[in-house]
All heavy atoms as atom14 arrays in JSON, in Angstrom:
{
  "sequence": "IISTGVLYRIILKKKLSEIQWAAFILLCAGCTT",
  "atom14_mask": [
    [1, 1, 1, 1, 1, 1, 1, 1, 0, 0, 0, 0, 0, 0],
    [1, 1, 1, 1, 1, 1, 1, 1, 0, 0, 0, 0, 0, 0],
    [1, 1, 1, 1, 1, 1, 0, 0, 0, 0, 0, 0, 0, 0],
    [1, 1, 1, 1, 1, 1, 1, 0, 0, 0, 0, 0, 0, 0],
    [1, 1, 1, 1, 0, 0, 0, 0, 0, 0, 0, 0, 0, 0],
    [1, 1, 1, 1, 1, 1, 1, 0, 0, 0, 0, 0, 0, 0],
    [1, 1, 1, 1, 1, 1, 1, 1, 0, 0, 0, 0, 0, 0],
    [1, 1, 1, 1, 1, 1, 1, 1, 1, 1, 1, 1, 0, 0],
    [1, 1, 1, 1, 1, 1, 1, 1, 1, 1, 1, 0, 0, 0],
    [1, 1, 1, 1, 1, 1, 1, 1, 0, 0, 0, 0, 0, 0],
    [1, 1, 1, 1, 1, 1, 1, 1, 0, 0, 0, 0, 0, 0],
    [1, 1, 1, 1, 1, 1, 1, 1, 0, 0, 0, 0, 0, 0],
    [1, 1, 1, 1, 1, 1, 1, 1, 1, 0, 0, 0, 0, 0],
    [1, 1, 1, 1, 1, 1, 1, 1, 1, 0, 0, 0, 0, 0],
    [1, 1, 1, 1, 1, 1, 1, 1, 1, 0, 0, 0, 0, 0],
    [1, 1, 1, 1, 1, 1, 1, 1, 0, 0, 0, 0, 0, 0],
    [1, 1, 1, 1, 1, 1, 0, 0, 0, 0, 0, 0, 0, 0],
    [1, 1, 1, 1, 1, 1, 1, 1, 1, 0, 0, 0, 0, 0],
    [1, 1, 1, 1, 1, 1, 1, 1, 0, 0, 0, 0, 0, 0],
    [1, 1, 1, 1, 1, 1, 1, 1, 1, 0, 0, 0, 0, 0],
    [1, 1, 1, 1, 1, 1, 1, 1, 1, 1, 1, 1, 1, 1],
    [1, 1, 1, 1, 1, 0, 0, 0, 0, 0, 0, 0, 0, 0],
    [1, 1, 1, 1, 1, 0, 0, 0, 0, 0, 0, 0, 0, 0],
    [1, 1, 1, 1, 1, 1, 1, 1, 1, 1, 1, 0, 0, 0],
    [1, 1, 1, 1, 1, 1, 1, 1, 0, 0, 0, 0, 0, 0],
    [1, 1, 1, 1, 1, 1, 1, 1, 0, 0, 0, 0, 0, 0],
    [1, 1, 1, 1, 1, 1, 1, 1, 0, 0, 0, 0, 0, 0],
    [1, 1, 1, 1, 1, 1, 0, 0, 0, 0, 0, 0, 0, 0],
    [1, 1, 1, 1, 1, 0, 0, 0, 0, 0, 0, 0, 0, 0],
    [1, 1, 1, 1, 0, 0, 0, 0, 0, 0, 0, 0, 0, 0],
    [1, 1, 1, 1, 1, 1, 0, 0, 0, 0, 0, 0, 0, 0],
    [1, 1, 1, 1, 1, 1, 1, 0, 0, 0, 0, 0, 0, 0],
    [1, 1, 1, 1, 1, 1, 1, 0, 0, 0, 0, 0, 0, 0]
  ],
  "atom14_positions": [
    [[78.98, 34.65, 83.88], [79.33, 34.82, 85.3], [80.09, 36.12, 85.51], [79.84, 36.86, 86.46], [80.17, 33.62, 85.79], [79.36, 32.33, 85.66], [80.62, 33.82, 87.22], [80.11, 31.1, 86.1], [0.0, 0.0, 0.0], [0.0, 0.0, 0.0], [0.0, 0.0, 0.0], [0.0, 0.0, 0.0], [0.0, 0.0, 0.0], [0.0, 0.0, 0.0]],
    [[81.01, 36.42, 84.59], [81.81, 37.64, 84.72], [80.94, 38.87, 84.55], [80.99, 39.8, 85.35], [82.95, 37.63, 83.69], [83.83, 36.39, 83.89], [83.79, 38.9, 83.8], [84.85, 36.18, 82.81], [0.0, 0.0, 0.0], [0.0, 0.0, 0.0], [0.0, 0.0, 0.0], [0.0, 0.0, 0.0], [0.0, 0.0, 0.0], [0.0, 0.0, 0.0]],
    [[80.14, 38.89, 83.48], [79.28, 40.06, 83.24], [78.26, 40.22, 84.36], [77.97, 41.34, 84.79], [78.57, 39.92, 81.89], [77.69, 38.81, 81.9], [0.0, 0.0, 0.0], [0.0, 0.0, 0.0], [0.0, 0.0, 0.0], [0.0, 0.0, 0.0], [0.0, 0.0, 0.0], [0.0, 0.0, 0.0], [0.0, 0.0, 0.0], [0.0, 0.0, 0.0]],
    [[77.73, 39.11, 84.85], [76.75, 39.18, 85.94], [77.39, 39.72, 87.21], [76.79, 40.54, 87.92], [76.14, 37.79, 86.21], [75.49, 37.31, 85.04], [75.14, 37.86, 87.36], [0.0, 0.0, 0.0], [0.0, 0.0, 0.0], [0.0, 0.0, 0.0], [0.0, 0.0, 0.0], [0.0, 0.0, 0.0], [0.0, 0.0, 0.0], [0.0, 0.0, 0.0]],
    [[78.62, 39.28, 87.5], [79.31, 39.76, 88.69], [79.55, 41.25, 88.65], [79.33, 41.96, 89.65], [0.0, 0.0, 0.0], [0.0, 0.0, 0.0], [0.0, 0.0, 0.0], [0.0, 0.0, 0.0], [0.0, 0.0, 0.0], [0.0, 0.0, 0.0], [0.0, 0.0, 0.0], [0.0, 0.0, 0.0], [0.0, 0.0, 0.0], [0.0, 0.0, 0.0]],
    [[79.99, 41.76, 87.5], [80.25, 43.2, 87.37], [78.95, 44.0, 87.46], [78.86, 44.99, 88.2], [80.97, 43.49, 86.04], [81.11, 44.99, 85.83], [82.34, 42.82, 86.02], [0.0, 0.0, 0.0], [0.0, 0.0, 0.0], [0.0, 0.0, 0.0], [0.0, 0.0, 0.0], [0.0, 0.0, 0.0], [0.0, 0.0, 0.0], [0.0, 0.0, 0.0]],
    [[77.93, 43.57, 86.71], [76.65, 44.28, 86.72], [75.93, 44.14, 88.06], [75.2, 45.04, 88.48], [75.76, 43.75, 85.59], [76.27, 44.05, 84.18], [75.45, 43.29, 83.14], [76.23, 45.54, 83.89], [0.0, 0.0, 0.0], [0.0, 0.0, 0.0], [0.0, 0.0, 0.0], [0.0, 0.0, 0.0], [0.0, 0.0, 0.0], [0.0, 0.0, 0.0]],
    [[76.14, 43.01, 88.72], [75.57, 42.79, 90.05], [76.09, 43.85, 91.03], [75.35, 44.37, 91.85], [75.96, 41.39, 90.52], [75.19, 40.86, 91.71], [73.9, 40.37, 91.57], [75.77, 40.84, 92.97], [73.2, 39.87, 92.65], [75.08, 40.33, 94.06], [73.8, 39.85, 93.9], [73.11, 39.36, 94.98], [0.0, 0.0, 0.0], [0.0, 0.0, 0.0]],
    [[77.39, 44.16, 90.89], [78.02, 45.16, 91.75], [77.54, 46.57, 91.39], [77.3, 47.4, 92.26], [79.54, 45.08, 91.62], [80.32, 46.12, 92.41], [80.2, 45.87, 93.9], [80.97, 46.82, 94.68], [80.5, 47.99, 95.1], [79.25, 48.34, 94.82], [81.25, 48.8, 95.79], [0.0, 0.0, 0.0], [0.0, 0.0, 0.0], [0.0, 0.0, 0.0]],
    [[77.39, 46.85, 90.09], [77.05, 48.2, 89.64], [75.57, 48.51, 89.86], [75.22, 49.56, 90.41], [77.39, 48.37, 88.14], [78.91, 48.25, 87.94], [76.89, 49.71, 87.62], [79.33, 48.27, 86.49], [0.0, 0.0, 0.0], [0.0, 0.0, 0.0], [0.0, 0.0, 0.0], [0.0, 0.0, 0.0], [0.0, 0.0, 0.0], [0.0, 0.0, 0.0]],
    [[74.69, 47.59, 89.47], [73.25, 47.86, 89.5], [72.65, 47.67, 90.89], [71.94, 48.53, 91.41], [72.51, 46.98, 88.47], [73.0, 47.31, 87.06], [71.0, 47.18, 88.57], [72.38, 46.44, 85.98], [0.0, 0.0, 0.0], [0.0, 0.0, 0.0], [0.0, 0.0, 0.0], [0.0, 0.0, 0.0], [0.0, 0.0, 0.0], [0.0, 0.0, 0.0]],
    [[72.95, 46.52, 91.5], [72.36, 46.21, 92.8], [73.18, 46.73, 93.98], [72.77, 46.59, 95.13], [72.16, 44.69, 92.94], [71.17, 44.06, 91.96], [71.04, 42.56, 92.24], [69.81, 44.73, 92.04], [0.0, 0.0, 0.0], [0.0, 0.0, 0.0], [0.0, 0.0, 0.0], [0.0, 0.0, 0.0], [0.0, 0.0, 0.0], [0.0, 0.0, 0.0]],
    [[74.37, 47.27, 93.69], [75.24, 47.85, 94.73], [75.63, 46.84, 95.8], [75.8, 47.18, 96.97], [74.55, 49.05, 95.4], [74.01, 50.09, 94.45], [75.08, 50.76, 93.64], [74.51, 51.85, 92.75], [75.55, 52.48, 91.9], [0.0, 0.0, 0.0], [0.0, 0.0, 0.0], [0.0, 0.0, 0.0], [0.0, 0.0, 0.0], [0.0, 0.0, 0.0]],
    [[75.76, 45.57, 95.39], [76.14, 44.53, 96.34], [77.59, 44.16, 96.14], [78.03, 43.86, 95.04], [75.25, 43.29, 96.16], [73.8, 43.55, 96.55], [72.98, 42.27, 96.52], [71.55, 42.53, 96.97], [70.73, 41.29, 96.97], [0.0, 0.0, 0.0], [0.0, 0.0, 0.0], [0.0, 0.0, 0.0], [0.0, 0.0, 0.0], [0.0, 0.0, 0.0]],
    [[78.35, 44.19, 97.22], [79.78, 43.94, 97.15], [80.06, 42.44, 97.1], [79.51, 41.66, 97.88], [80.47, 44.56, 98.37], [81.98, 44.47, 98.32], [82.61, 45.17, 99.52], [84.13, 45.09, 99.44], [84.77, 45.77, 100.61], [0.0, 0.0, 0.0], [0.0, 0.0, 0.0], [0.0, 0.0, 0.0], [0.0, 0.0, 0.0], [0.0, 0.0, 0.0]],
    [[80.94, 42.06, 96.2], [81.37, 40.67, 96.09], [82.67, 40.48, 96.85], [83.5, 41.38, 96.93], [81.55, 40.28, 94.62], [80.31, 40.4, 93.73], [80.66, 40.07, 92.29], [79.2, 39.49, 94.21], [0.0, 0.0, 0.0], [0.0, 0.0, 0.0], [0.0, 0.0, 0.0], [0.0, 0.0, 0.0], [0.0, 0.0, 0.0], [0.0, 0.0, 0.0]],
    [[82.85, 39.3, 97.4], [84.05, 39.02, 98.18], [85.25, 38.85, 97.27], [85.13, 38.65, 96.05], [83.84, 37.76, 99.02], [83.71, 36.62, 98.17], [0.0, 0.0, 0.0], [0.0, 0.0, 0.0], [0.0, 0.0, 0.0], [0.0, 0.0, 0.0], [0.0, 0.0, 0.0], [0.0, 0.0, 0.0], [0.0, 0.0, 0.0], [0.0, 0.0, 0.0]],
    [[86.45, 38.9, 97.86], [87.67, 38.71, 97.09], [87.73, 37.3, 96.51], [88.26, 37.1, 95.41], [88.89, 38.97, 97.99], [89.01, 40.42, 98.47], [90.22, 40.62, 99.35], [90.93, 39.62, 99.62], [90.47, 41.77, 99.76], [0.0, 0.0, 0.0], [0.0, 0.0, 0.0], [0.0, 0.0, 0.0], [0.0, 0.0, 0.0], [0.0, 0.0, 0.0]],
    [[87.19, 36.34, 97.23], [87.17, 34.96, 96.72], [86.3, 34.86, 95.48], [86.65, 34.16, 94.51], [86.66, 34.0, 97.82], [87.64, 33.98, 99.0], [86.47, 32.59, 97.26], [87.2, 33.1, 100.14], [0.0, 0.0, 0.0], [0.0, 0.0, 0.0], [0.0, 0.0, 0.0], [0.0, 0.0, 0.0], [0.0, 0.0, 0.0], [0.0, 0.0, 0.0]],
    [[85.17, 35.57, 95.47], [84.29, 35.53, 94.31], [84.94, 36.17, 93.09], [84.85, 35.66, 91.98], [82.96, 36.24, 94.64], [82.07, 35.45, 95.58], [80.83, 36.22, 95.98], [80.91, 37.4, 96.33], [79.68, 35.57, 95.93], [0.0, 0.0, 0.0], [0.0, 0.0, 0.0], [0.0, 0.0, 0.0], [0.0, 0.0, 0.0], [0.0, 0.0, 0.0]],
    [[85.65, 37.31, 93.3], [86.34, 37.95, 92.18], [87.47, 37.06, 91.67], [87.71, 36.98, 90.45], [86.89, 39.3, 92.59], [85.86, 40.38, 92.7], [85.49, 41.07, 93.81], [85.05, 40.9, 91.63], [84.51, 41.97, 93.51], [84.22, 41.9, 92.18], [84.95, 40.6, 90.26], [83.3, 42.61, 91.41], [84.04, 41.31, 89.51], [83.23, 42.3, 90.07]],
    [[88.16, 36.4, 92.59], [89.22, 35.47, 92.17], [88.65, 34.32, 91.35], [89.26, 33.86, 90.37], [89.96, 34.94, 93.4], [0.0, 0.0, 0.0], [0.0, 0.0, 0.0], [0.0, 0.0, 0.0], [0.0, 0.0, 0.0], [0.0, 0.0, 0.0], [0.0, 0.0, 0.0], [0.0, 0.0, 0.0], [0.0, 0.0, 0.0], [0.0, 0.0, 0.0]],
    [[87.46, 33.87, 91.73], [86.8, 32.8, 90.97], [86.46, 33.26, 89.56], [86.55, 32.48, 88.61], [85.54, 32.34, 91.71], [0.0, 0.0, 0.0], [0.0, 0.0, 0.0], [0.0, 0.0, 0.0], [0.0, 0.0, 0.0], [0.0, 0.0, 0.0], [0.0, 0.0, 0.0], [0.0, 0.0, 0.0], [0.0, 0.0, 0.0], [0.0, 0.0, 0.0]],
    [[86.07, 34.53, 89.42], [85.77, 35.06, 88.09], [87.02, 35.06, 87.2], [86.96, 34.72, 86.01], [85.23, 36.49, 88.2], [83.89, 36.57, 88.87], [83.47, 37.74, 89.46], [83.04, 35.47, 88.9], [82.23, 37.82, 90.08], [81.81, 35.54, 89.51], [81.4, 36.72, 90.11], [0.0, 0.0, 0.0], [0.0, 0.0, 0.0], [0.0, 0.0, 0.0]],
    [[88.16, 35.44, 87.78], [89.41, 35.46, 87.01], [89.81, 34.06, 86.6], [90.23, 33.81, 85.46], [90.52, 36.12, 87.85], [90.16, 37.59, 88.12], [91.88, 36.03, 87.12], [91.14, 38.3, 89.04], [0.0, 0.0, 0.0], [0.0, 0.0, 0.0], [0.0, 0.0, 0.0], [0.0, 0.0, 0.0], [0.0, 0.0, 0.0], [0.0, 0.0, 0.0]],
    [[89.69, 33.12, 87.52], [90.0, 31.73, 87.19], [89.08, 31.19, 86.11], [89.49, 30.39, 85.26], [89.89, 30.86, 88.46], [90.97, 31.06, 89.51], [90.65, 30.22, 90.75], [92.34, 30.68, 88.96], [0.0, 0.0, 0.0], [0.0, 0.0, 0.0], [0.0, 0.0, 0.0], [0.0, 0.0, 0.0], [0.0, 0.0, 0.0], [0.0, 0.0, 0.0]],
    [[87.84, 31.64, 86.12], [86.9, 31.2, 85.1], [87.31, 31.71, 83.72], [87.19, 30.99, 82.72], [85.49, 31.68, 85.45], [84.37, 31.24, 84.5], [84.29, 29.72, 84.44], [83.05, 31.81, 84.96], [0.0, 0.0, 0.0], [0.0, 0.0, 0.0], [0.0, 0.0, 0.0], [0.0, 0.0, 0.0], [0.0, 0.0, 0.0], [0.0, 0.0, 0.0]],
    [[87.8, 32.96, 83.66], [88.29, 33.5, 82.38], [89.44, 32.65, 81.86], [89.5, 32.32, 80.66], [88.78, 34.93, 82.57], [87.49, 36.16, 82.65], [0.0, 0.0, 0.0], [0.0, 0.0, 0.0], [0.0, 0.0, 0.0], [0.0, 0.0, 0.0], [0.0, 0.0, 0.0], [0.0, 0.0, 0.0], [0.0, 0.0, 0.0], [0.0, 0.0, 0.0]],
    [[90.36, 32.29, 82.76], [91.48, 31.45, 82.36], [91.0, 30.08, 81.89], [91.51, 29.52, 80.91], [92.45, 31.29, 83.53], [0.0, 0.0, 0.0], [0.0, 0.0, 0.0], [0.0, 0.0, 0.0], [0.0, 0.0, 0.0], [0.0, 0.0, 0.0], [0.0, 0.0, 0.0], [0.0, 0.0, 0.0], [0.0, 0.0, 0.0], [0.0, 0.0, 0.0]],
    [[89.98, 29.55, 82.56], [89.44, 28.25, 82.17], [88.77, 28.3, 80.8], [88.93, 27.39, 79.99], [0.0, 0.0, 0.0], [0.0, 0.0, 0.0], [0.0, 0.0, 0.0], [0.0, 0.0, 0.0], [0.0, 0.0, 0.0], [0.0, 0.0, 0.0], [0.0, 0.0, 0.0], [0.0, 0.0, 0.0], [0.0, 0.0, 0.0], [0.0, 0.0, 0.0]],
    [[88.03, 29.4, 80.55], [87.38, 29.56, 79.25], [88.41, 29.58, 78.12], [88.22, 28.96, 77.07], [86.55, 30.84, 79.21], [85.08, 30.8, 80.26], [0.0, 0.0, 0.0], [0.0, 0.0, 0.0], [0.0, 0.0, 0.0], [0.0, 0.0, 0.0], [0.0, 0.0, 0.0], [0.0, 0.0, 0.0], [0.0, 0.0, 0.0], [0.0, 0.0, 0.0]],
    [[89.51, 30.31, 78.34], [90.55, 30.4, 77.31], [91.26, 29.08, 77.12], [91.51, 28.63, 75.99], [91.57, 31.49, 77.69], [90.88, 32.72, 77.9], [92.59, 31.67, 76.58], [0.0, 0.0, 0.0], [0.0, 0.0, 0.0], [0.0, 0.0, 0.0], [0.0, 0.0, 0.0], [0.0, 0.0, 0.0], [0.0, 0.0, 0.0], [0.0, 0.0, 0.0]],
    [[91.58, 28.41, 78.22], [92.29, 27.13, 78.15], [91.47, 26.09, 77.41], [92.0, 25.33, 76.59], [92.6, 26.61, 79.57], [93.4, 27.58, 80.25], [93.35, 25.29, 79.5], [0.0, 0.0, 0.0], [0.0, 0.0, 0.0], [0.0, 0.0, 0.0], [0.0, 0.0, 0.0], [0.0, 0.0, 0.0], [0.0, 0.0, 0.0], [0.0, 0.0, 0.0]]
  ]
}
């Protein structure tokens, strides 16, 4: 999800919302926990 979100922004030039980026960060925390 994280890699797709970053590459989605870089390759397809589509902007993600702040809520979506926050969800990515929470997912990282969930993976570690």
